[in-house]
Amino acid sequence: QVALSVLHEPAAAVALEAMRLADAGDLWEAVYQPDEVPGEAAASVHSEAVQLLASAAAAAGWQPVEPAPRLFDGFYNASLVLRRQTLGEASALDGGHAQSAAGEVVVDVDAGGAPWLPVGPPRDVRLRLKHRHLTIMGYQVVWLRPRALDCLDDGAKGHIVEGWLRDLGLAAHP
């Protein structure tokens, strides 16, 4: 992840150039070994929450990308990737803020977070770097806490999922 940060972080451009020039490029070649790093083992999946969000997002004009692709040159996984069904049209979403430069939204799942805690950025440094890297590449990254659905009936789950769509800026306007 450090090499990916140096490679893609605009603020690290000077460091990247210095590494590429050091020892006739040998330093950078020793550090950047994408074929030697397995990347993220697996997407954190909470299948019920992901399926409910995918269905609700599809009804709001988003298309789930199936299967969810490996991102950032295959280094990262995603639980769900959503794309506007028609990228060329003006977005009807909250001023267009949900549509990234890539036209895709990456949904990352906090499967272990307690449902009563406020949703915020991940605390784990690897996940924070993952979100930063995906943002640099033009994706909008959203952080979902699916345990909020635990022990709820279907009607209450639907209400929570609709709230997620609104909170994430993915709900279509009436």
N, C-alpha and C. Protein backbone atom coordinates (compact mmCIF):
# COMPACT_ATOMS: atom_id res chain seq x y z
N GLN A 1 0.82 -1.19 0.00
CA GLN A 1 0.00 0.00 0.00
C GLN A 1 0.86 1.25 0.00
N VAL A 2 2.02 1.19 0.60
CA VAL A 2 2.89 2.36 0.61
C VAL A 2 3.34 2.69 -0.81
N ALA A 3 3.72 1.68 -1.58
CA ALA A 3 4.14 1.93 -2.97
C ALA A 3 2.98 2.49 -3.78
N LEU A 4 1.76 1.99 -3.56
CA LEU A 4 0.60 2.54 -4.26
C LEU A 4 0.37 3.99 -3.88
N SER A 5 0.59 4.32 -2.60
CA SER A 5 0.44 5.70 -2.17
C SER A 5 1.46 6.60 -2.85
N VAL A 6 2.70 6.16 -2.90
CA VAL A 6 3.75 6.96 -3.55
C VAL A 6 3.45 7.11 -5.04
N LEU A 7 2.96 6.05 -5.66
CA LEU A 7 2.68 6.08 -7.09
C LEU A 7 1.51 6.99 -7.45
N HIS A 8 0.46 7.02 -6.64
CA HIS A 8 -0.76 7.71 -7.03
C HIS A 8 -1.08 8.97 -6.25
N GLU A 9 -0.49 9.17 -5.12
CA GLU A 9 -0.79 10.35 -4.30
C GLU A 9 -0.12 11.58 -4.92
N PRO A 10 -0.91 12.58 -5.32
CA PRO A 10 -0.32 13.77 -5.95
C PRO A 10 0.75 14.44 -5.07
N ALA A 11 0.55 14.43 -3.76
CA ALA A 11 1.52 15.09 -2.87
C ALA A 11 2.85 14.33 -2.80
N ALA A 12 2.90 13.10 -3.31
CA ALA A 12 4.12 12.29 -3.26
C ALA A 12 4.88 12.30 -4.58
N ALA A 13 4.53 13.17 -5.50
CA ALA A 13 5.16 13.19 -6.82
C ALA A 13 6.67 13.38 -6.74
N VAL A 14 7.13 14.24 -5.85
CA VAL A 14 8.57 14.49 -5.72
C VAL A 14 9.26 13.23 -5.19
N ALA A 15 8.67 12.58 -4.21
CA ALA A 15 9.25 11.35 -3.66
C ALA A 15 9.29 10.26 -4.72
N LEU A 16 8.25 10.15 -5.52
CA LEU A 16 8.21 9.15 -6.58
C LEU A 16 9.32 9.41 -7.59
N GLU A 17 9.48 10.65 -7.99
CA GLU A 17 10.53 10.99 -8.96
C GLU A 17 11.91 10.69 -8.38
N ALA A 18 12.13 11.00 -7.11
CA ALA A 18 13.42 10.72 -6.48
C ALA A 18 13.68 9.22 -6.43
N MET A 19 12.65 8.43 -6.14
CA MET A 19 12.82 6.98 -6.10
C MET A 19 13.11 6.42 -7.49
N ARG A 20 12.48 6.99 -8.49
CA ARG A 20 12.71 6.51 -9.86
C ARG A 20 14.10 6.86 -10.36
N LEU A 21 14.67 7.96 -9.86
CA LEU A 21 16.01 8.38 -10.28
C LEU A 21 17.12 7.72 -9.47
N ALA A 22 16.84 7.30 -8.24
CA ALA A 22 17.86 6.72 -7.37
C ALA A 22 18.35 5.40 -7.94
N ASP A 23 19.64 5.23 -7.93
CA ASP A 23 20.27 3.99 -8.40
C ASP A 23 19.76 3.57 -9.78
N ALA A 24 19.61 4.53 -10.68
CA ALA A 24 19.15 4.29 -12.04
C ALA A 24 17.81 3.56 -12.08
N GLY A 25 16.95 3.88 -11.10
CA GLY A 25 15.61 3.29 -11.07
C GLY A 25 15.51 1.99 -10.30
N ASP A 26 16.64 1.49 -9.82
CA ASP A 26 16.62 0.22 -9.10
C ASP A 26 15.84 0.30 -7.79
N LEU A 27 15.88 1.44 -7.12
CA LEU A 27 15.16 1.58 -5.86
C LEU A 27 13.66 1.42 -6.09
N TRP A 28 13.13 2.15 -7.08
CA TRP A 28 11.70 2.04 -7.35
C TRP A 28 11.33 0.62 -7.79
N GLU A 29 12.15 0.00 -8.61
CA GLU A 29 11.87 -1.36 -9.05
C GLU A 29 11.86 -2.34 -7.88
N ALA A 30 12.69 -2.09 -6.87
CA ALA A 30 12.71 -2.96 -5.69
C ALA A 30 11.48 -2.74 -4.82
N VAL A 31 10.98 -1.50 -4.77
CA VAL A 31 9.85 -1.17 -3.91
C VAL A 31 8.52 -1.54 -4.56
N TYR A 32 8.37 -1.24 -5.83
CA TYR A 32 7.09 -1.45 -6.52
C TYR A 32 7.10 -2.82 -7.18
N GLN A 33 6.45 -3.77 -6.52
CA GLN A 33 6.39 -5.15 -6.99
C GLN A 33 4.93 -5.62 -7.05
N PRO A 34 4.13 -5.08 -7.97
CA PRO A 34 2.70 -5.41 -7.95
C PRO A 34 2.40 -6.89 -8.17
N ASP A 35 3.26 -7.60 -8.89
CA ASP A 35 2.99 -9.02 -9.12
C ASP A 35 3.33 -9.88 -7.92
N GLU A 36 4.07 -9.32 -6.97
CA GLU A 36 4.49 -10.07 -5.80
C GLU A 36 3.57 -9.86 -4.59
N VAL A 37 2.64 -8.93 -4.70
CA VAL A 37 1.76 -8.60 -3.58
C VAL A 37 0.37 -9.12 -3.89
N PRO A 38 -0.20 -9.94 -3.00
CA PRO A 38 -1.51 -10.52 -3.30
C PRO A 38 -2.66 -9.53 -3.24
N GLY A 39 -2.49 -8.41 -2.58
CA GLY A 39 -3.59 -7.46 -2.46
C GLY A 39 -4.53 -7.86 -1.35
N GLU A 40 -5.71 -7.27 -1.39
CA GLU A 40 -6.71 -7.51 -0.37
C GLU A 40 -7.27 -8.92 -0.53
N ALA A 41 -7.32 -9.66 0.56
CA ALA A 41 -7.69 -11.07 0.50
C ALA A 41 -9.10 -11.29 -0.04
N ALA A 42 -10.06 -10.57 0.50
CA ALA A 42 -11.45 -10.75 0.05
C ALA A 42 -12.25 -9.54 0.49
N ALA A 43 -13.27 -9.25 -0.27
CA ALA A 43 -14.15 -8.15 0.11
C ALA A 43 -14.91 -8.55 1.37
N SER A 44 -15.08 -7.57 2.25
CA SER A 44 -15.92 -7.86 3.41
C SER A 44 -17.36 -7.86 2.93
N VAL A 45 -18.00 -8.98 3.10
CA VAL A 45 -19.35 -9.14 2.54
C VAL A 45 -20.35 -9.37 3.67
N HIS A 46 -21.40 -8.67 3.60
CA HIS A 46 -22.57 -8.89 4.47
C HIS A 46 -23.70 -9.01 3.47
N SER A 47 -23.90 -10.22 2.96
CA SER A 47 -24.69 -10.43 1.75
C SER A 47 -26.09 -9.84 1.80
N GLU A 48 -26.80 -9.96 2.90
CA GLU A 48 -28.16 -9.43 2.93
C GLU A 48 -28.16 -7.92 2.74
N ALA A 49 -27.31 -7.22 3.46
CA ALA A 49 -27.27 -5.76 3.36
C ALA A 49 -26.84 -5.32 1.96
N VAL A 50 -25.85 -6.01 1.41
CA VAL A 50 -25.36 -5.66 0.07
C VAL A 50 -26.45 -5.91 -0.97
N GLN A 51 -27.16 -7.04 -0.86
CA GLN A 51 -28.24 -7.34 -1.81
C GLN A 51 -29.37 -6.33 -1.70
N LEU A 52 -29.76 -5.98 -0.48
CA LEU A 52 -30.84 -5.00 -0.30
C LEU A 52 -30.43 -3.64 -0.86
N LEU A 53 -29.19 -3.21 -0.58
CA LEU A 53 -28.72 -1.93 -1.10
C LEU A 53 -28.63 -1.96 -2.62
N ALA A 54 -28.15 -3.06 -3.19
CA ALA A 54 -28.05 -3.18 -4.65
C ALA A 54 -29.43 -3.08 -5.30
N SER A 55 -30.42 -3.75 -4.73
CA SER A 55 -31.78 -3.70 -5.28
C SER A 55 -32.37 -2.30 -5.19
N ALA A 56 -32.21 -1.67 -4.03
CA ALA A 56 -32.76 -0.32 -3.85
C ALA A 56 -32.04 0.68 -4.75
N ALA A 57 -30.73 0.53 -4.89
CA ALA A 57 -29.97 1.43 -5.76
C ALA A 57 -30.38 1.24 -7.22
N ALA A 58 -30.63 0.00 -7.63
CA ALA A 58 -31.08 -0.26 -9.00
C ALA A 58 -32.41 0.43 -9.28
N ALA A 59 -33.30 0.41 -8.30
CA ALA A 59 -34.59 1.08 -8.45
C ALA A 59 -34.42 2.60 -8.53
N ALA A 60 -33.31 3.12 -8.00
CA ALA A 60 -33.05 4.56 -8.02
C ALA A 60 -32.17 4.97 -9.20
N GLY A 61 -31.94 4.07 -10.15
CA GLY A 61 -31.19 4.43 -11.35
C GLY A 61 -29.72 4.05 -11.35
N TRP A 62 -29.31 3.20 -10.43
CA TRP A 62 -27.93 2.73 -10.37
C TRP A 62 -27.88 1.28 -10.79
N GLN A 63 -26.82 0.89 -11.46
CA GLN A 63 -26.66 -0.48 -11.92
C GLN A 63 -25.53 -1.13 -11.13
N PRO A 64 -25.82 -2.21 -10.40
CA PRO A 64 -24.73 -2.94 -9.73
C PRO A 64 -23.81 -3.56 -10.78
N VAL A 65 -22.52 -3.39 -10.63
CA VAL A 65 -21.54 -3.99 -11.54
C VAL A 65 -21.33 -5.42 -11.06
N GLU A 66 -21.65 -6.38 -11.92
CA GLU A 66 -21.55 -7.79 -11.55
C GLU A 66 -20.52 -8.48 -12.43
N PRO A 67 -19.67 -9.30 -11.86
CA PRO A 67 -19.38 -9.34 -10.44
C PRO A 67 -18.62 -8.08 -10.04
N ALA A 68 -18.64 -7.77 -8.76
CA ALA A 68 -17.92 -6.58 -8.28
C ALA A 68 -16.45 -6.74 -8.68
N PRO A 69 -15.90 -5.75 -9.36
CA PRO A 69 -14.54 -5.89 -9.89
C PRO A 69 -13.47 -5.74 -8.81
N ARG A 70 -12.30 -6.25 -9.13
CA ARG A 70 -11.13 -5.94 -8.32
C ARG A 70 -10.67 -4.57 -8.81
N LEU A 71 -10.32 -3.71 -7.88
CA LEU A 71 -10.03 -2.32 -8.19
C LEU A 71 -8.57 -1.99 -7.96
N PHE A 72 -8.17 -0.86 -8.52
CA PHE A 72 -6.81 -0.34 -8.32
C PHE A 72 -5.80 -1.37 -8.79
N ASP A 73 -5.88 -1.68 -10.07
CA ASP A 73 -5.00 -2.67 -10.69
C ASP A 73 -5.07 -4.03 -10.01
N GLY A 74 -6.27 -4.40 -9.54
CA GLY A 74 -6.48 -5.71 -8.95
C GLY A 74 -6.08 -5.83 -7.49
N PHE A 75 -5.67 -4.74 -6.86
CA PHE A 75 -5.19 -4.80 -5.48
C PHE A 75 -6.32 -4.86 -4.47
N TYR A 76 -7.45 -4.19 -4.75
CA TYR A 76 -8.54 -4.11 -3.80
C TYR A 76 -9.78 -4.82 -4.32
N ASN A 77 -10.59 -5.29 -3.38
CA ASN A 77 -11.90 -5.85 -3.67
C ASN A 77 -12.96 -4.85 -3.24
N ALA A 78 -14.16 -5.05 -3.73
CA ALA A 78 -15.30 -4.23 -3.31
C ALA A 78 -16.48 -5.15 -3.06
N SER A 79 -17.26 -4.82 -2.04
CA SER A 79 -18.48 -5.60 -1.78
C SER A 79 -19.54 -5.31 -2.83
N LEU A 80 -19.56 -4.06 -3.30
CA LEU A 80 -20.55 -3.65 -4.29
C LEU A 80 -20.00 -2.43 -5.03
N VAL A 81 -20.16 -2.42 -6.34
CA VAL A 81 -19.82 -1.26 -7.15
C VAL A 81 -21.09 -0.88 -7.91
N LEU A 82 -21.45 0.38 -7.84
CA LEU A 82 -22.65 0.88 -8.52
C LEU A 82 -22.25 1.87 -9.59
N ARG A 83 -22.96 1.82 -10.72
CA ARG A 83 -22.71 2.73 -11.84
C ARG A 83 -24.05 3.32 -12.26
N ARG A 84 -24.05 4.62 -12.57
CA ARG A 84 -25.28 5.22 -13.11
C ARG A 84 -25.65 4.47 -14.37
N GLN A 85 -26.94 4.20 -14.53
CA GLN A 85 -27.37 3.44 -15.71
C GLN A 85 -27.11 4.20 -16.99
N THR A 86 -27.20 5.52 -16.95
CA THR A 86 -26.88 6.34 -18.12
C THR A 86 -25.89 7.40 -17.67
N LEU A 87 -24.62 7.19 -17.97
CA LEU A 87 -23.59 8.11 -17.51
C LEU A 87 -23.65 9.46 -18.22
N GLY A 88 -24.17 9.50 -19.44
CA GLY A 88 -24.16 10.74 -20.21
C GLY A 88 -25.18 11.77 -19.77
N GLU A 89 -26.22 11.33 -19.06
CA GLU A 89 -27.26 12.28 -18.68
C GLU A 89 -26.88 13.03 -17.41
N ALA A 90 -27.48 14.17 -17.22
CA ALA A 90 -27.23 14.94 -16.00
C ALA A 90 -27.75 14.16 -14.82
N SER A 91 -26.98 14.13 -13.77
CA SER A 91 -27.37 13.38 -12.58
C SER A 91 -28.52 14.06 -11.86
N ALA A 92 -29.46 13.25 -11.43
CA ALA A 92 -30.59 13.77 -10.66
C ALA A 92 -30.31 13.64 -9.17
N LEU A 93 -29.08 13.38 -8.83
CA LEU A 93 -28.73 13.14 -7.44
C LEU A 93 -28.20 14.41 -6.81
N ASP A 94 -28.62 14.69 -5.61
CA ASP A 94 -28.10 15.77 -4.77
C ASP A 94 -27.01 16.62 -5.42
N GLY A 95 -27.33 17.32 -6.48
CA GLY A 95 -26.35 18.18 -7.12
C GLY A 95 -25.27 17.41 -7.86
N GLY A 96 -25.47 16.12 -8.04
CA GLY A 96 -24.49 15.32 -8.77
C GLY A 96 -23.33 14.85 -7.92
N HIS A 97 -23.37 15.05 -6.59
CA HIS A 97 -22.19 14.72 -5.81
C HIS A 97 -21.93 13.23 -5.70
N ALA A 98 -22.90 12.38 -5.98
CA ALA A 98 -22.68 10.95 -5.85
C ALA A 98 -21.99 10.36 -7.07
N GLN A 99 -21.99 11.05 -8.18
CA GLN A 99 -21.37 10.50 -9.38
C GLN A 99 -19.91 10.90 -9.41
N SER A 100 -19.03 9.92 -9.35
CA SER A 100 -17.61 10.20 -9.34
C SER A 100 -17.12 10.43 -10.76
N ALA A 101 -15.84 10.78 -10.87
CA ALA A 101 -15.24 10.97 -12.18
C ALA A 101 -15.31 9.69 -12.98
N ALA A 102 -15.22 8.55 -12.32
CA ALA A 102 -15.30 7.26 -13.00
C ALA A 102 -16.76 6.84 -13.21
N GLY A 103 -17.71 7.61 -12.65
CA GLY A 103 -19.12 7.26 -12.78
C GLY A 103 -19.51 6.09 -11.90
N GLU A 104 -18.66 5.74 -10.96
CA GLU A 104 -18.93 4.58 -10.13
C GLU A 104 -18.79 4.91 -8.65
N VAL A 105 -19.58 4.19 -7.87
CA VAL A 105 -19.55 4.30 -6.42
C VAL A 105 -19.12 2.94 -5.88
N VAL A 106 -18.11 2.94 -5.03
CA VAL A 106 -17.64 1.72 -4.39
C VAL A 106 -18.23 1.67 -2.99
N VAL A 107 -18.92 0.59 -2.69
CA VAL A 107 -19.50 0.39 -1.36
C VAL A 107 -18.58 -0.56 -0.60
N ASP A 108 -18.02 -0.08 0.49
CA ASP A 108 -17.17 -0.89 1.35
C ASP A 108 -17.96 -1.16 2.62
N VAL A 109 -17.86 -2.37 3.14
CA VAL A 109 -18.71 -2.80 4.25
C VAL A 109 -17.91 -2.92 5.54
N ASP A 110 -18.43 -2.30 6.59
CA ASP A 110 -17.89 -2.43 7.94
C ASP A 110 -18.71 -3.52 8.63
N ALA A 111 -18.32 -4.77 8.41
CA ALA A 111 -19.11 -5.89 8.92
C ALA A 111 -19.05 -6.02 10.44
N GLY A 112 -18.03 -5.47 11.07
CA GLY A 112 -17.88 -5.65 12.50
C GLY A 112 -18.34 -4.48 13.34
N GLY A 113 -18.64 -3.35 12.72
CA GLY A 113 -19.01 -2.16 13.48
C GLY A 113 -20.35 -2.30 14.17
N ALA A 114 -20.39 -1.92 15.43
CA ALA A 114 -21.65 -1.98 16.19
C ALA A 114 -22.68 -1.05 15.57
N PRO A 115 -23.94 -1.50 15.48
CA PRO A 115 -24.97 -0.72 14.77
C PRO A 115 -25.29 0.61 15.44
N TRP A 116 -25.02 0.78 16.72
CA TRP A 116 -25.37 2.02 17.40
C TRP A 116 -24.29 3.09 17.28
N LEU A 117 -23.12 2.73 16.79
CA LEU A 117 -22.05 3.71 16.63
C LEU A 117 -22.29 4.52 15.36
N PRO A 118 -21.93 5.79 15.36
CA PRO A 118 -22.09 6.58 14.14
C PRO A 118 -21.16 6.07 13.04
N VAL A 119 -21.66 6.11 11.82
CA VAL A 119 -20.84 5.69 10.69
C VAL A 119 -19.86 6.81 10.39
N GLY A 120 -18.61 6.47 10.36
CA GLY A 120 -17.57 7.44 10.04
C GLY A 120 -16.53 6.74 9.20
N PRO A 121 -15.44 7.40 8.94
CA PRO A 121 -14.40 6.74 8.15
C PRO A 121 -13.84 5.54 8.92
N PRO A 122 -13.30 4.57 8.21
CA PRO A 122 -12.75 3.40 8.89
C PRO A 122 -11.60 3.80 9.81
N ARG A 123 -11.44 3.05 10.87
CA ARG A 123 -10.34 3.32 11.81
C ARG A 123 -9.07 2.61 11.41
N ASP A 124 -9.19 1.49 10.74
CA ASP A 124 -8.04 0.71 10.32
C ASP A 124 -7.26 1.47 9.24
N VAL A 125 -5.96 1.61 9.43
CA VAL A 125 -5.14 2.41 8.50
C VAL A 125 -5.15 1.81 7.09
N ARG A 126 -5.21 0.48 6.98
CA ARG A 126 -5.25 -0.13 5.64
C ARG A 126 -6.54 0.24 4.91
N LEU A 127 -7.65 0.25 5.64
CA LEU A 127 -8.91 0.64 5.01
C LEU A 127 -8.94 2.13 4.67
N ARG A 128 -8.35 2.95 5.52
CA ARG A 128 -8.27 4.39 5.20
C ARG A 128 -7.44 4.60 3.94
N LEU A 129 -6.32 3.87 3.80
CA LEU A 129 -5.53 3.97 2.58
C LEU A 129 -6.30 3.47 1.37
N LYS A 130 -7.03 2.36 1.54
CA LYS A 130 -7.85 1.84 0.45
C LYS A 130 -8.82 2.91 -0.02
N HIS A 131 -9.53 3.54 0.91
CA HIS A 131 -10.50 4.58 0.54
C HIS A 131 -9.80 5.75 -0.12
N ARG A 132 -8.65 6.15 0.38
CA ARG A 132 -7.90 7.26 -0.22
C ARG A 132 -7.47 6.91 -1.64
N HIS A 133 -6.95 5.71 -1.84
CA HIS A 133 -6.50 5.29 -3.18
C HIS A 133 -7.66 5.27 -4.17
N LEU A 134 -8.79 4.71 -3.75
CA LEU A 134 -9.94 4.65 -4.65
C LEU A 134 -10.47 6.05 -4.97
N THR A 135 -10.42 6.94 -3.98
CA THR A 135 -10.85 8.32 -4.22
C THR A 135 -9.93 9.01 -5.21
N ILE A 136 -8.64 8.80 -5.09
CA ILE A 136 -7.67 9.38 -6.03
C ILE A 136 -7.97 8.91 -7.45
N MET A 137 -8.41 7.66 -7.59
CA MET A 137 -8.70 7.10 -8.91
C MET A 137 -10.06 7.54 -9.45
N GLY A 138 -10.80 8.35 -8.68
CA GLY A 138 -12.04 8.91 -9.19
C GLY A 138 -13.31 8.23 -8.73
N TYR A 139 -13.20 7.25 -7.86
CA TYR A 139 -14.39 6.60 -7.33
C TYR A 139 -14.92 7.38 -6.14
N GLN A 140 -16.23 7.34 -5.96
CA GLN A 140 -16.79 7.78 -4.69
C GLN A 140 -16.83 6.53 -3.83
N VAL A 141 -16.33 6.61 -2.62
CA VAL A 141 -16.31 5.47 -1.72
C VAL A 141 -17.27 5.74 -0.58
N VAL A 142 -18.16 4.79 -0.32
CA VAL A 142 -19.08 4.92 0.79
C VAL A 142 -18.86 3.75 1.74
N TRP A 143 -19.06 4.02 3.00
CA TRP A 143 -18.78 3.09 4.08
C TRP A 143 -20.11 2.68 4.69
N LEU A 144 -20.44 1.41 4.63
CA LEU A 144 -21.74 0.90 5.03
C LEU A 144 -21.61 0.04 6.28
N ARG A 145 -22.48 0.26 7.26
CA ARG A 145 -22.49 -0.55 8.48
C ARG A 145 -23.74 -1.43 8.45
N PRO A 146 -23.64 -2.68 7.96
CA PRO A 146 -24.82 -3.53 7.76
C PRO A 146 -25.42 -4.09 9.04
N ARG A 147 -24.71 -4.07 10.13
CA ARG A 147 -25.28 -4.64 11.36
C ARG A 147 -26.49 -3.84 11.84
N ALA A 148 -26.73 -2.69 11.26
CA ALA A 148 -27.93 -1.92 11.60
C ALA A 148 -29.19 -2.69 11.21
N LEU A 149 -29.06 -3.70 10.35
CA LEU A 149 -30.21 -4.49 9.92
C LEU A 149 -30.49 -5.68 10.82
N ASP A 150 -29.56 -5.99 11.71
CA ASP A 150 -29.73 -7.16 12.56
C ASP A 150 -31.04 -7.09 13.34
N CYS A 151 -31.75 -8.19 13.37
CA CYS A 151 -32.97 -8.37 14.19
C CYS A 151 -34.13 -7.46 13.77
N LEU A 152 -34.13 -6.95 12.56
CA LEU A 152 -35.25 -6.12 12.11
C LEU A 152 -36.14 -6.91 11.16
N ASP A 153 -37.43 -6.52 11.10
CA ASP A 153 -38.31 -7.15 10.12
C ASP A 153 -38.07 -6.52 8.75
N ASP A 154 -38.67 -7.10 7.72
CA ASP A 154 -38.42 -6.65 6.34
C ASP A 154 -38.79 -5.19 6.12
N GLY A 155 -39.90 -4.74 6.70
CA GLY A 155 -40.31 -3.35 6.54
C GLY A 155 -39.31 -2.38 7.14
N ALA A 156 -38.82 -2.70 8.32
CA ALA A 156 -37.82 -1.85 8.97
C ALA A 156 -36.50 -1.86 8.21
N LYS A 157 -36.13 -3.04 7.67
CA LYS A 157 -34.90 -3.14 6.87
C LYS A 157 -35.01 -2.24 5.63
N GLY A 158 -36.16 -2.27 4.97
CA GLY A 158 -36.37 -1.42 3.79
C GLY A 158 -36.24 0.05 4.14
N HIS A 159 -36.77 0.44 5.29
CA HIS A 159 -36.66 1.83 5.74
C HIS A 159 -35.20 2.22 5.97
N ILE A 160 -34.42 1.33 6.59
CA ILE A 160 -33.00 1.58 6.84
C ILE A 160 -32.25 1.71 5.52
N VAL A 161 -32.53 0.81 4.58
CA VAL A 161 -31.83 0.82 3.29
C VAL A 161 -32.16 2.10 2.51
N GLU A 162 -33.42 2.53 2.52
CA GLU A 162 -33.78 3.79 1.87
C GLU A 162 -33.05 4.97 2.51
N GLY A 163 -32.91 4.92 3.83
CA GLY A 163 -32.14 5.95 4.53
C GLY A 163 -30.68 5.94 4.10
N TRP A 164 -30.12 4.75 3.91
CA TRP A 164 -28.73 4.66 3.42
C TRP A 164 -28.61 5.33 2.06
N LEU A 165 -29.56 5.04 1.16
CA LEU A 165 -29.52 5.65 -0.17
C LEU A 165 -29.53 7.17 -0.08
N ARG A 166 -30.42 7.71 0.76
CA ARG A 166 -30.48 9.17 0.93
C ARG A 166 -29.18 9.70 1.53
N ASP A 167 -28.71 9.06 2.60
CA ASP A 167 -27.50 9.52 3.28
C ASP A 167 -26.28 9.46 2.37
N LEU A 168 -26.24 8.47 1.48
CA LEU A 168 -25.11 8.31 0.58
C LEU A 168 -25.24 9.16 -0.68
N GLY A 169 -26.38 9.83 -0.82
CA GLY A 169 -26.59 10.66 -2.02
C GLY A 169 -26.92 9.84 -3.25
N LEU A 170 -27.45 8.64 -3.06
CA LEU A 170 -27.74 7.75 -4.20
C LEU A 170 -29.21 7.66 -4.54
N ALA A 171 -30.07 8.26 -3.72
CA ALA A 171 -31.51 8.17 -3.95
C ALA A 171 -31.92 9.13 -5.07
N ALA A 172 -32.81 8.64 -5.92
CA ALA A 172 -33.34 9.49 -6.99
C ALA A 172 -34.31 10.49 -6.38
N HIS A 173 -34.35 11.69 -6.94
CA HIS A 173 -35.32 12.68 -6.48
C HIS A 173 -36.67 12.40 -7.12
N PRO A 174 -37.77 12.67 -6.39
CA PRO A 174 -39.10 12.42 -6.96
C PRO A 174 -39.39 13.33 -8.13
